[in-house]
């Protein structure tokens, strides 16, 4: 997986969640997105699902898949790389 895709995913997180003052370099690739990491919540997850669909044409079909996809930036990028149209 490319660093470019990882950076695109980080930018997607910043843009989709409208996080002001944060840059791509501020987000750790393997840090948890929920809880201790970025501290995202279920509403944030929905916004990321919509963002992934718009930006990459990738659908997260259910909550079980979402739990795996949204563990970290790396797991998001892996999923996008595997399912991108």
PDB file of N, CA and C in Angstrom:
ATOM      1  N   UNK A   1       0.842  -1.184   0.000  1.00  0.00           N
ATOM      2  CA  UNK A   1       0.000   0.000   0.000  1.00  0.00           C
ATOM      3  C   UNK A   1       0.882   1.239   0.000  1.00  0.00           C
ATOM      4  N   UNK A   2       0.444   2.243  -0.718  1.00  0.00           N
ATOM      5  CA  UNK A   2       1.277   3.430  -0.888  1.00  0.00           C
ATOM      6  C   UNK A   2       1.081   4.451   0.231  1.00  0.00           C
ATOM      7  N   UNK A   3       2.148   5.181   0.472  1.00  0.00           N
ATOM      8  CA  UNK A   3       2.073   6.289   1.433  1.00  0.00           C
ATOM      9  C   UNK A   3       1.098   7.343   0.934  1.00  0.00           C
ATOM     10  N   UNK A   4       0.985   7.454  -0.383  1.00  0.00           N
ATOM     11  CA  UNK A   4       0.061   8.426  -0.962  1.00  0.00           C
ATOM     12  C   UNK A   4      -1.379   8.110  -0.539  1.00  0.00           C
ATOM     13  N   UNK A   5      -1.755   6.837  -0.584  1.00  0.00           N
ATOM     14  CA  UNK A   5      -3.107   6.445  -0.180  1.00  0.00           C
ATOM     15  C   UNK A   5      -3.306   6.705   1.308  1.00  0.00           C
ATOM     16  N   UNK A   6      -2.298   6.411   2.107  1.00  0.00           N
ATOM     17  CA  UNK A   6      -2.396   6.679   3.550  1.00  0.00           C
ATOM     18  C   UNK A   6      -2.618   8.170   3.787  1.00  0.00           C
ATOM     19  N   UNK A   7      -1.877   9.014   3.081  1.00  0.00           N
ATOM     20  CA  UNK A   7      -2.053  10.465   3.221  1.00  0.00           C
ATOM     21  C   UNK A   7      -3.432  10.903   2.741  1.00  0.00           C
ATOM     22  N   UNK A   8      -3.945  10.270   1.674  1.00  0.00           N
ATOM     23  CA  UNK A   8      -5.293  10.594   1.193  1.00  0.00           C
ATOM     24  C   UNK A   8      -6.344  10.243   2.242  1.00  0.00           C
ATOM     25  N   UNK A   9      -6.158   9.118   2.914  1.00  0.00           N
ATOM     26  CA  UNK A   9      -7.102   8.699   3.960  1.00  0.00           C
ATOM     27  C   UNK A   9      -7.044   9.689   5.121  1.00  0.00           C
ATOM     28  N   UNK A  10      -5.857  10.098   5.508  1.00  0.00           N
ATOM     29  CA  UNK A  10      -5.727  11.086   6.589  1.00  0.00           C
ATOM     30  C   UNK A  10      -6.413  12.389   6.201  1.00  0.00           C
ATOM     31  N   UNK A  11      -6.223  12.821   4.955  1.00  0.00           N
ATOM     32  CA  UNK A  11      -6.881  14.049   4.491  1.00  0.00           C
ATOM     33  C   UNK A  11      -8.390  13.873   4.475  1.00  0.00           C
ATOM     34  N   UNK A  12      -8.861  12.689   4.095  1.00  0.00           N
ATOM     35  CA  UNK A  12     -10.293  12.393   4.111  1.00  0.00           C
ATOM     36  C   UNK A  12     -10.858  12.538   5.520  1.00  0.00           C
ATOM     37  N   UNK A  13     -10.130  12.035   6.504  1.00  0.00           N
ATOM     38  CA  UNK A  13     -10.562  12.146   7.904  1.00  0.00           C
ATOM     39  C   UNK A  13     -10.663  13.620   8.300  1.00  0.00           C
ATOM     40  N   UNK A  14      -9.639  14.386   7.978  1.00  0.00           N
ATOM     41  CA  UNK A  14      -9.625  15.813   8.333  1.00  0.00           C
ATOM     42  C   UNK A  14     -10.774  16.544   7.649  1.00  0.00           C
ATOM     43  N   UNK A  15     -10.960  16.286   6.346  1.00  0.00           N
ATOM     44  CA  UNK A  15     -12.002  16.988   5.587  1.00  0.00           C
ATOM     45  C   UNK A  15     -13.408  16.533   5.973  1.00  0.00           C
ATOM     46  N   UNK A  16     -13.616  15.228   6.076  1.00  0.00           N
ATOM     47  CA  UNK A  16     -14.954  14.694   6.374  1.00  0.00           C
ATOM     48  C   UNK A  16     -15.439  15.126   7.749  1.00  0.00           C
ATOM     49  N   UNK A  17     -14.513  15.178   8.703  1.00  0.00           N
ATOM     50  CA  UNK A  17     -14.894  15.513  10.076  1.00  0.00           C
ATOM     51  C   UNK A  17     -14.667  16.980  10.403  1.00  0.00           C
ATOM     52  N   UNK A  18     -14.197  17.718   9.402  1.00  0.00           N
ATOM     53  CA  UNK A  18     -13.961  19.168   9.549  1.00  0.00           C
ATOM     54  C   UNK A  18     -13.123  19.473  10.793  1.00  0.00           C
ATOM     55  N   UNK A  19     -11.979  18.782  10.888  1.00  0.00           N
ATOM     56  CA  UNK A  19     -11.085  18.976  12.026  1.00  0.00           C
ATOM     57  C   UNK A  19     -10.166  20.156  11.726  1.00  0.00           C
ATOM     58  N   UNK A  20     -10.380  21.238  12.421  1.00  0.00           N
ATOM     59  CA  UNK A  20      -9.593  22.452  12.172  1.00  0.00           C
ATOM     60  C   UNK A  20      -8.257  22.387  12.881  1.00  0.00           C
ATOM     61  N   UNK A  21      -7.239  22.896  12.224  1.00  0.00           N
ATOM     62  CA  UNK A  21      -5.918  22.977  12.826  1.00  0.00           C
ATOM     63  C   UNK A  21      -5.145  21.665  12.816  1.00  0.00           C
ATOM     64  N   UNK A  22      -5.677  20.643  12.187  1.00  0.00           N
ATOM     65  CA  UNK A  22      -4.974  19.359  12.126  1.00  0.00           C
ATOM     66  C   UNK A  22      -4.457  19.157  10.706  1.00  0.00           C
ATOM     67  N   UNK A  23      -3.265  18.606  10.618  1.00  0.00           N
ATOM     68  CA  UNK A  23      -2.673  18.318   9.318  1.00  0.00           C
ATOM     69  C   UNK A  23      -2.435  16.823   9.181  1.00  0.00           C
ATOM     70  N   UNK A  24      -2.198  16.387   7.968  1.00  0.00           N
ATOM     71  CA  UNK A  24      -1.981  14.966   7.677  1.00  0.00           C
ATOM     72  C   UNK A  24      -0.915  14.372   8.595  1.00  0.00           C
ATOM     73  N   UNK A  25       0.168  15.102   8.806  1.00  0.00           N
ATOM     74  CA  UNK A  25       1.268  14.615   9.635  1.00  0.00           C
ATOM     75  C   UNK A  25       0.923  14.466  11.103  1.00  0.00           C
ATOM     76  N   UNK A  26      -0.193  15.056  11.533  1.00  0.00           N
ATOM     77  CA  UNK A  26      -0.603  14.979  12.942  1.00  0.00           C
ATOM     78  C   UNK A  26      -1.309  13.663  13.280  1.00  0.00           C
ATOM     79  N   UNK A  27      -1.717  12.920  12.263  1.00  0.00           N
ATOM     80  CA  UNK A  27      -2.466  11.683  12.489  1.00  0.00           C
ATOM     81  C   UNK A  27      -1.519  10.498  12.353  1.00  0.00           C
ATOM     82  N   UNK A  28      -1.469   9.671  13.397  1.00  0.00           N
ATOM     83  CA  UNK A  28      -0.622   8.476  13.358  1.00  0.00           C
ATOM     84  C   UNK A  28      -1.312   7.390  12.541  1.00  0.00           C
ATOM     85  N   UNK A  29      -0.567   6.766  11.672  1.00  0.00           N
ATOM     86  CA  UNK A  29      -1.109   5.764  10.750  1.00  0.00           C
ATOM     87  C   UNK A  29      -1.708   4.564  11.468  1.00  0.00           C
ATOM     88  N   UNK A  30      -1.080   4.123  12.549  1.00  0.00           N
ATOM     89  CA  UNK A  30      -1.542   2.910  13.227  1.00  0.00           C
ATOM     90  C   UNK A  30      -2.256   3.174  14.550  1.00  0.00           C
ATOM     91  N   UNK A  31      -2.492   4.422  14.884  1.00  0.00           N
ATOM     92  CA  UNK A  31      -3.195   4.751  16.130  1.00  0.00           C
ATOM     93  C   UNK A  31      -4.683   4.425  15.979  1.00  0.00           C
ATOM     94  N   UNK A  32      -5.335   4.016  17.071  1.00  0.00           N
ATOM     95  CA  UNK A  32      -6.780   3.759  17.000  1.00  0.00           C
ATOM     96  C   UNK A  32      -7.534   5.041  16.638  1.00  0.00           C
ATOM     97  N   UNK A  33      -8.579   4.894  15.836  1.00  0.00           N
ATOM     98  CA  UNK A  33      -9.388   6.052  15.470  1.00  0.00           C
ATOM     99  C   UNK A  33     -10.426   6.363  16.546  1.00  0.00           C
ATOM    100  N   UNK A  34     -10.864   5.317  17.255  1.00  0.00           N
ATOM    101  CA  UNK A  34     -11.892   5.492  18.281  1.00  0.00           C
ATOM    102  C   UNK A  34     -11.265   5.302  19.655  1.00  0.00           C
ATOM    103  N   UNK A  35     -11.890   5.874  20.667  1.00  0.00           N
ATOM    104  CA  UNK A  35     -11.361   5.722  22.027  1.00  0.00           C
ATOM    105  C   UNK A  35     -10.111   6.552  22.237  1.00  0.00           C
ATOM    106  N   UNK A  36      -9.030   5.882  22.613  1.00  0.00           N
ATOM    107  CA  UNK A  36      -7.802   6.568  23.000  1.00  0.00           C
ATOM    108  C   UNK A  36      -7.135   7.343  21.871  1.00  0.00           C
ATOM    109  N   UNK A  37      -7.240   6.879  20.637  1.00  0.00           N
ATOM    110  CA  UNK A  37      -6.557   7.517  19.509  1.00  0.00           C
ATOM    111  C   UNK A  37      -7.112   8.889  19.199  1.00  0.00           C
ATOM    112  N   UNK A  38      -7.787   9.013  18.068  1.00  0.00           N
ATOM    113  CA  UNK A  38      -8.377  10.295  17.666  1.00  0.00           C
ATOM    114  C   UNK A  38      -9.650  10.604  18.448  1.00  0.00           C
ATOM    115  N   UNK A  39     -10.200   9.608  19.122  1.00  0.00           N
ATOM    116  CA  UNK A  39     -11.397   9.833  19.932  1.00  0.00           C
ATOM    117  C   UNK A  39     -12.661  10.009  19.112  1.00  0.00           C
ATOM    118  N   UNK A  40     -12.746   9.338  17.968  1.00  0.00           N
ATOM    119  CA  UNK A  40     -13.929   9.463  17.131  1.00  0.00           C
ATOM    120  C   UNK A  40     -15.105   8.717  17.742  1.00  0.00           C
ATOM    121  N   UNK A  41     -16.317   9.051  17.277  1.00  0.00           N
ATOM    122  CA  UNK A  41     -17.524   8.378  17.759  1.00  0.00           C
ATOM    123  C   UNK A  41     -18.330   7.835  16.586  1.00  0.00           C
ATOM    124  N   UNK A  42     -19.503   7.294  16.862  1.00  0.00           N
ATOM    125  CA  UNK A  42     -20.292   6.638  15.819  1.00  0.00           C
ATOM    126  C   UNK A  42     -20.755   7.607  14.727  1.00  0.00           C
ATOM    127  N   UNK A  43     -21.021   8.839  15.078  1.00  0.00           N
ATOM    128  CA  UNK A  43     -21.414   9.832  14.066  1.00  0.00           C
ATOM    129  C   UNK A  43     -20.230  10.111  13.140  1.00  0.00           C
ATOM    130  N   UNK A  44     -19.029  10.186  13.715  1.00  0.00           N
ATOM    131  CA  UNK A  44     -17.828  10.358  12.897  1.00  0.00           C
ATOM    132  C   UNK A  44     -17.679   9.185  11.918  1.00  0.00           C
ATOM    133  N   UNK A  45     -17.969   7.974  12.394  1.00  0.00           N
ATOM    134  CA  UNK A  45     -17.862   6.793  11.538  1.00  0.00           C
ATOM    135  C   UNK A  45     -18.803   6.907  10.341  1.00  0.00           C
ATOM    136  N   UNK A  46     -20.014   7.380  10.574  1.00  0.00           N
ATOM    137  CA  UNK A  46     -20.970   7.559   9.473  1.00  0.00           C
ATOM    138  C   UNK A  46     -20.453   8.574   8.464  1.00  0.00           C
ATOM    139  N   UNK A  47     -19.862   9.647   8.944  1.00  0.00           N
ATOM    140  CA  UNK A  47     -19.308  10.656   8.044  1.00  0.00           C
ATOM    141  C   UNK A  47     -18.147  10.081   7.234  1.00  0.00           C
ATOM    142  N   UNK A  48     -17.355   9.219   7.851  1.00  0.00           N
ATOM    143  CA  UNK A  48     -16.247   8.597   7.129  1.00  0.00           C
ATOM    144  C   UNK A  48     -16.745   7.610   6.080  1.00  0.00           C
ATOM    145  N   UNK A  49     -17.825   6.887   6.386  1.00  0.00           N
ATOM    146  CA  UNK A  49     -18.415   5.969   5.414  1.00  0.00           C
ATOM    147  C   UNK A  49     -18.841   6.758   4.171  1.00  0.00           C
ATOM    148  N   UNK A  50     -19.530   7.863   4.387  1.00  0.00           N
ATOM    149  CA  UNK A  50     -19.979   8.697   3.268  1.00  0.00           C
ATOM    150  C   UNK A  50     -18.772   9.249   2.508  1.00  0.00           C
ATOM    151  N   UNK A  51     -17.772   9.719   3.225  1.00  0.00           N
ATOM    152  CA  UNK A  51     -16.567  10.253   2.591  1.00  0.00           C
ATOM    153  C   UNK A  51     -15.842   9.219   1.754  1.00  0.00           C
ATOM    154  N   UNK A  52     -15.723   7.997   2.277  1.00  0.00           N
ATOM    155  CA  UNK A  52     -15.057   6.926   1.531  1.00  0.00           C
ATOM    156  C   UNK A  52     -15.818   6.581   0.258  1.00  0.00           C
ATOM    157  N   UNK A  53     -17.136   6.605   0.356  1.00  0.00           N
ATOM    158  CA  UNK A  53     -17.950   6.281  -0.818  1.00  0.00           C
ATOM    159  C   UNK A  53     -17.788   7.361  -1.890  1.00  0.00           C
ATOM    160  N   UNK A  54     -17.826   8.628  -1.471  1.00  0.00           N
ATOM    161  CA  UNK A  54     -17.679   9.735  -2.427  1.00  0.00           C
ATOM    162  C   UNK A  54     -16.285   9.774  -3.034  1.00  0.00           C
ATOM    163  N   UNK A  55     -15.274   9.693  -2.191  1.00  0.00           N
ATOM    164  CA  UNK A  55     -13.881   9.881  -2.615  1.00  0.00           C
ATOM    165  C   UNK A  55     -13.316   8.682  -3.372  1.00  0.00           C
ATOM    166  N   UNK A  56     -13.636   7.477  -2.899  1.00  0.00           N
ATOM    167  CA  UNK A  56     -12.986   6.285  -3.438  1.00  0.00           C
ATOM    168  C   UNK A  56     -13.952   5.276  -4.067  1.00  0.00           C
ATOM    169  N   UNK A  57     -15.258   5.510  -3.961  1.00  0.00           N
ATOM    170  CA  UNK A  57     -16.228   4.566  -4.504  1.00  0.00           C
ATOM    171  C   UNK A  57     -16.284   3.260  -3.727  1.00  0.00           C
ATOM    172  N   UNK A  58     -15.930   3.329  -2.445  1.00  0.00           N
ATOM    173  CA  UNK A  58     -15.864   2.135  -1.599  1.00  0.00           C
ATOM    174  C   UNK A  58     -17.024   2.150  -0.610  1.00  0.00           C
ATOM    175  N   UNK A  59     -17.723   1.023  -0.520  1.00  0.00           N
ATOM    176  CA  UNK A  59     -18.873   0.900   0.369  1.00  0.00           C
ATOM    177  C   UNK A  59     -18.499   0.030   1.571  1.00  0.00           C
ATOM    178  N   UNK A  60     -18.917   0.478   2.754  1.00  0.00           N
ATOM    179  CA  UNK A  60     -18.783  -0.335   3.966  1.00  0.00           C
ATOM    180  C   UNK A  60     -20.192  -0.882   4.233  1.00  0.00           C
ATOM    181  N   UNK A  61     -20.401  -2.185   3.959  1.00  0.00           N
ATOM    182  CA  UNK A  61     -21.761  -2.725   3.921  1.00  0.00           C
ATOM    183  C   UNK A  61     -22.479  -2.871   5.258  1.00  0.00           C
ATOM    184  N   UNK A  62     -21.723  -3.019   6.359  1.00  0.00           N
ATOM    185  CA  UNK A  62     -22.396  -3.245   7.639  1.00  0.00           C
ATOM    186  C   UNK A  62     -21.479  -2.850   8.800  1.00  0.00           C
ATOM    187  N   UNK A  63     -22.051  -2.847   9.993  1.00  0.00           N
ATOM    188  CA  UNK A  63     -21.314  -2.416  11.187  1.00  0.00           C
ATOM    189  C   UNK A  63     -20.136  -3.337  11.499  1.00  0.00           C
ATOM    190  N   UNK A  64     -20.313  -4.633  11.265  1.00  0.00           N
ATOM    191  CA  UNK A  64     -19.232  -5.573  11.542  1.00  0.00           C
ATOM    192  C   UNK A  64     -18.007  -5.257  10.674  1.00  0.00           C
ATOM    193  N   UNK A  65     -18.246  -4.990   9.398  1.00  0.00           N
ATOM    194  CA  UNK A  65     -17.157  -4.605   8.501  1.00  0.00           C
ATOM    195  C   UNK A  65     -16.568  -3.271   8.949  1.00  0.00           C
ATOM    196  N   UNK A  66     -17.434  -2.338   9.314  1.00  0.00           N
ATOM    197  CA  UNK A  66     -16.980  -1.023   9.771  1.00  0.00           C
ATOM    198  C   UNK A  66     -16.065  -1.112  10.976  1.00  0.00           C
ATOM    199  N   UNK A  67     -16.365  -2.026  11.897  1.00  0.00           N
ATOM    200  CA  UNK A  67     -15.512  -2.201  13.081  1.00  0.00           C
ATOM    201  C   UNK A  67     -14.097  -2.593  12.693  1.00  0.00           C
ATOM    202  N   UNK A  68     -13.963  -3.386  11.639  1.00  0.00           N
ATOM    203  CA  UNK A  68     -12.630  -3.795  11.174  1.00  0.00           C
ATOM    204  C   UNK A  68     -11.963  -2.676  10.379  1.00  0.00           C
ATOM    205  N   UNK A  69     -12.736  -2.028   9.509  1.00  0.00           N
ATOM    206  CA  UNK A  69     -12.191  -0.997   8.622  1.00  0.00           C
ATOM    207  C   UNK A  69     -11.691   0.216   9.405  1.00  0.00           C
ATOM    208  N   UNK A  70     -12.432   0.630  10.410  1.00  0.00           N
ATOM    209  CA  UNK A  70     -12.132   1.881  11.097  1.00  0.00           C
ATOM    210  C   UNK A  70     -11.280   1.715  12.353  1.00  0.00           C
ATOM    211  N   UNK A  71     -10.443   0.692  12.388  1.00  0.00           N
ATOM    212  CA  UNK A  71      -9.521   0.526  13.520  1.00  0.00           C
ATOM    213  C   UNK A  71      -8.412   1.575  13.485  1.00  0.00           C
ATOM    214  N   UNK A  72      -7.897   1.846  12.278  1.00  0.00           N
ATOM    215  CA  UNK A  72      -6.798   2.803  12.135  1.00  0.00           C
ATOM    216  C   UNK A  72      -6.781   3.326  10.703  1.00  0.00           C
ATOM    217  N   UNK A  73      -5.942   4.310  10.466  1.00  0.00           N
ATOM    218  CA  UNK A  73      -5.780   4.814   9.100  1.00  0.00           C
ATOM    219  C   UNK A  73      -5.300   3.679   8.193  1.00  0.00           C
ATOM    220  N   UNK A  74      -4.376   2.859   8.691  1.00  0.00           N
ATOM    221  CA  UNK A  74      -3.835   1.762   7.873  1.00  0.00           C
ATOM    222  C   UNK A  74      -4.935   0.772   7.478  1.00  0.00           C
ATOM    223  N   UNK A  75      -5.839   0.418   8.405  1.00  0.00           N
ATOM    224  CA  UNK A  75      -6.897  -0.533   8.066  1.00  0.00           C
ATOM    225  C   UNK A  75      -7.880   0.086   7.072  1.00  0.00           C
ATOM    226  N   UNK A  76      -8.110   1.390   7.181  1.00  0.00           N
ATOM    227  CA  UNK A  76      -8.955   2.074   6.193  1.00  0.00           C
ATOM    228  C   UNK A  76      -8.300   2.016   4.819  1.00  0.00           C
ATOM    229  N   UNK A  77      -7.013   2.345   4.766  1.00  0.00           N
ATOM    230  CA  UNK A  77      -6.294   2.355   3.483  1.00  0.00           C
ATOM    231  C   UNK A  77      -6.243   0.949   2.876  1.00  0.00           C
ATOM    232  N   UNK A  78      -6.031  -0.064   3.705  1.00  0.00           N
ATOM    233  CA  UNK A  78      -6.023  -1.447   3.210  1.00  0.00           C
ATOM    234  C   UNK A  78      -7.363  -1.800   2.580  1.00  0.00           C
ATOM    235  N   UNK A  79      -8.449  -1.440   3.249  1.00  0.00           N
ATOM    236  CA  UNK A  79      -9.783  -1.743   2.764  1.00  0.00           C
ATOM    237  C   UNK A  79     -10.053  -1.015   1.443  1.00  0.00           C
ATOM    238  N   UNK A  80      -9.662   0.258   1.378  1.00  0.00           N
ATOM    239  CA  UNK A  80      -9.858   1.047   0.164  1.00  0.00           C
ATOM    240  C   UNK A  80      -9.071   0.431  -0.989  1.00  0.00           C
ATOM    241  N   UNK A  81      -7.804   0.091  -0.741  1.00  0.00           N
ATOM    242  CA  UNK A  81      -6.964  -0.487  -1.785  1.00  0.00           C
ATOM    243  C   UNK A  81      -7.560  -1.794  -2.320  1.00  0.00           C
ATOM    244  N   UNK A  82      -8.160  -2.570  -1.430  1.00  0.00           N
ATOM    245  CA  UNK A  82      -8.722  -3.860  -1.825  1.00  0.00           C
ATOM    246  C   UNK A  82     -10.053  -3.728  -2.552  1.00  0.00           C
ATOM    247  N   UNK A  83     -10.850  -2.706  -2.197  1.00  0.00           N
ATOM    248  CA  UNK A  83     -12.219  -2.606  -2.715  1.00  0.00           C
ATOM    249  C   UNK A  83     -12.454  -1.438  -3.676  1.00  0.00           C
ATOM    250  N   UNK A  84     -11.438  -0.672  -3.960  1.00  0.00           N
ATOM    251  CA  UNK A  84     -11.600   0.505  -4.827  1.00  0.00           C
ATOM    252  C   UNK A  84     -12.051   0.092  -6.218  1.00  0.00           C
ATOM    253  N   UNK A  85     -12.951   0.905  -6.771  1.00  0.00           N
ATOM    254  CA  UNK A  85     -13.484   0.600  -8.106  1.00  0.00           C
ATOM    255  C   UNK A  85     -12.622   1.236  -9.169  1.00  0.00           C
TER     256      UNK A  85
END
